[in-house]
Amino acid sequence: MIVFDLACVQGHRFEGWFPSGEDFERQQAGELVRCPVCDAGEVKRLPSARVNVGKSAAQPAHPAPAGPAPRPEAVAGLPPELIAKLREVVRASENVGGRFPEEARRIHYNEAPARSIRGQASPEEADALREEGIDFASLPPFLTADSH
């Protein structure tokens, strides 16, 4: 994983984790990299002092315990308590996956029970939902990452 320091056009600074530099560029070109504070899609990399060490480097004397990586204490300057509450709200929503545009329309047009849902939509599908007046928000990855 590569960690990049990022900033949106509004000046919000945050970090993003990517499998490679090419993956960051691909996601950025597809407007998938978004500010977790204001959802701006215009994001740039900032200079970083981080150094990534490859597998050939010496292993630490005391390897880290197995298990999930620790969560950051704060994201984009938000207090940890707020991040925890936001993650709780997201976990309480129903993940409808790729059916998100269809299910959002069904809820909007009262064809399905009103409830909190989350899922995926292409940029074109998202634009179509907005044109229909269907309100939704993109969730930043730090809220949707599986905590188990």
Protein backbone atom coordinates (compact mmCIF):
# COMPACT_ATOMS: atom_id res chain seq x y z
CA MET A 1 0.00 0.00 0.00
CA ILE A 2 1.05 3.55 -0.72
CA VAL A 3 -0.15 6.43 1.45
CA PHE A 4 -0.49 9.81 -0.25
CA ASP A 5 -1.09 13.18 1.40
CA LEU A 6 -3.97 14.77 -0.52
CA ALA A 7 -5.87 18.06 -0.59
CA CYS A 8 -9.09 19.15 -2.26
CA VAL A 9 -9.75 22.50 -3.95
CA GLN A 10 -11.37 23.73 -0.71
CA GLY A 11 -8.07 23.18 1.13
CA HIS A 12 -9.12 20.15 3.19
CA ARG A 13 -6.11 17.91 3.76
CA PHE A 14 -6.41 14.14 4.15
CA GLU A 15 -4.56 10.98 3.27
CA GLY A 16 -5.44 8.21 0.87
CA TRP A 17 -4.22 4.61 0.78
CA PHE A 18 -3.76 2.98 -2.62
CA PRO A 19 -2.32 -0.33 -3.88
CA SER A 20 -0.03 1.62 -6.24
CA GLY A 21 0.63 5.04 -7.70
CA GLU A 22 -0.99 3.89 -10.93
CA ASP A 23 -4.11 2.87 -9.03
CA PHE A 24 -4.30 6.36 -7.45
CA GLU A 25 -4.02 7.96 -10.89
CA ARG A 26 -6.69 5.64 -12.34
CA GLN A 27 -9.08 6.40 -9.48
CA GLN A 28 -8.36 10.12 -9.68
CA ALA A 29 -9.03 10.15 -13.45
CA GLY A 30 -12.36 8.40 -12.79
CA GLU A 31 -13.21 11.00 -10.11
CA LEU A 32 -13.31 8.24 -7.49
CA VAL A 33 -10.90 10.04 -5.16
CA ARG A 34 -13.07 12.51 -3.23
CA CYS A 35 -12.60 14.74 -0.22
CA PRO A 36 -14.02 13.08 2.91
CA VAL A 37 -15.07 16.48 4.27
CA CYS A 38 -16.78 18.27 1.34
CA ASP A 39 -16.93 15.49 -1.32
CA ALA A 40 -14.99 17.59 -3.86
CA GLY A 41 -13.70 15.48 -6.73
CA GLU A 42 -10.82 17.81 -7.59
CA VAL A 43 -8.01 16.38 -5.45
CA LYS A 44 -4.25 16.77 -5.75
CA ARG A 45 -1.30 14.98 -4.22
CA LEU A 46 0.84 16.93 -1.79
CA PRO A 47 4.54 16.44 -1.16
CA SER A 48 5.11 13.78 1.47
CA ALA A 49 7.99 12.79 3.69
CA ARG A 50 6.78 9.19 4.03
CA VAL A 51 9.11 6.48 2.88
CA ASN A 52 7.78 3.08 1.86
CA VAL A 53 10.11 0.18 2.59
CA GLY A 54 9.87 -2.89 0.37
CA LYS A 55 9.75 -6.51 1.50
CA SER A 56 13.50 -6.87 1.03
CA ALA A 57 14.18 -4.56 3.97
CA ALA A 58 15.06 -6.03 7.34
CA GLN A 59 12.08 -7.27 9.32
CA PRO A 60 11.41 -5.69 12.73
CA ALA A 61 12.65 -7.58 15.77
CA HIS A 62 9.10 -7.71 17.15
CA PRO A 63 6.60 -8.12 14.33
CA ALA A 64 3.22 -6.44 14.71
CA PRO A 65 0.45 -8.71 15.99
CA ALA A 66 -1.86 -10.24 13.40
CA GLY A 67 -5.27 -8.69 12.92
CA PRO A 68 -6.83 -5.64 11.35
CA ALA A 69 -4.80 -2.48 10.99
CA PRO A 70 -5.54 0.12 13.65
CA ARG A 71 -7.96 2.86 12.67
CA PRO A 72 -6.60 6.41 12.51
CA GLU A 73 -7.31 8.54 15.57
CA ALA A 74 -8.77 11.31 13.42
CA VAL A 75 -9.52 11.74 9.75
CA ALA A 76 -9.28 15.12 8.04
CA GLY A 77 -9.22 16.81 11.45
CA LEU A 78 -12.49 15.25 12.62
CA PRO A 79 -12.63 14.06 16.25
CA PRO A 80 -12.41 10.29 16.78
CA GLU A 81 -15.79 10.29 18.55
CA LEU A 82 -17.46 11.75 15.46
CA ILE A 83 -15.75 9.24 13.16
CA ALA A 84 -16.94 6.38 15.41
CA LYS A 85 -20.52 7.69 15.34
CA LEU A 86 -20.47 8.11 11.57
CA ARG A 87 -19.18 4.54 11.15
CA GLU A 88 -21.99 3.35 13.42
CA VAL A 89 -24.58 5.11 11.24
CA VAL A 90 -23.08 3.61 8.07
CA ARG A 91 -23.03 0.09 9.59
CA ALA A 92 -26.73 0.50 10.45
CA SER A 93 -27.59 1.17 6.78
CA GLU A 94 -28.46 -1.59 4.34
CA ASN A 95 -25.74 -2.34 1.77
CA VAL A 96 -27.56 -2.84 -1.55
CA GLY A 97 -24.33 -2.97 -3.57
CA GLY A 98 -24.68 -2.35 -7.30
CA ARG A 99 -28.46 -2.12 -6.97
CA PHE A 100 -28.06 1.31 -5.33
CA PRO A 101 -29.46 3.44 -8.22
CA GLU A 102 -32.47 1.14 -8.65
CA GLU A 103 -33.19 0.92 -4.92
CA ALA A 104 -32.73 4.68 -4.39
CA ARG A 105 -35.32 5.30 -7.12
CA ARG A 106 -37.75 2.79 -5.59
CA ILE A 107 -37.48 4.53 -2.21
CA HIS A 108 -37.74 8.01 -3.76
CA TYR A 109 -40.90 7.09 -5.71
CA ASN A 110 -42.45 5.30 -2.68
CA GLU A 111 -42.22 1.89 -4.36
CA ALA A 112 -40.14 0.51 -1.48
CA PRO A 113 -40.06 1.25 2.26
CA ALA A 114 -38.03 4.32 3.25
CA ARG A 115 -34.76 3.28 4.89
CA SER A 116 -31.05 4.10 4.93
CA ILE A 117 -29.19 2.37 2.13
CA ARG A 118 -25.68 2.43 0.74
CA GLY A 119 -24.05 0.89 -2.31
CA GLN A 120 -22.26 1.71 -5.52
CA ALA A 121 -23.20 3.81 -8.52
CA SER A 122 -21.18 4.78 -11.57
CA PRO A 123 -20.62 8.50 -12.18
CA GLU A 124 -23.25 8.36 -14.93
CA GLU A 125 -25.78 6.67 -12.62
CA ALA A 126 -25.05 9.23 -9.90
CA ASP A 127 -25.63 12.09 -12.35
CA ALA A 128 -28.95 10.54 -13.44
CA LEU A 129 -30.09 10.25 -9.80
CA ARG A 130 -29.20 13.91 -9.18
CA GLU A 131 -31.12 14.97 -12.31
CA GLU A 132 -34.18 13.14 -10.95
CA GLY A 133 -33.90 15.07 -7.69
CA ILE A 134 -32.89 12.03 -5.64
CA ASP A 135 -30.73 13.08 -2.71
CA PHE A 136 -27.73 10.97 -1.74
CA ALA A 137 -24.14 11.48 -0.67
CA SER A 138 -20.90 9.73 -1.50
CA LEU A 139 -19.33 8.02 1.49
CA PRO A 140 -15.59 8.27 1.97
CA PRO A 141 -13.74 4.94 2.20
CA PHE A 142 -12.77 5.47 5.85
CA LEU A 143 -16.48 5.13 6.73
CA THR A 144 -17.28 2.13 4.57
CA ALA A 145 -14.20 -0.02 5.24
CA ASP A 146 -15.09 -3.30 6.88
CA SER A 147 -14.06 -3.16 10.52
CA HIS A 148 -13.96 -6.95 10.98
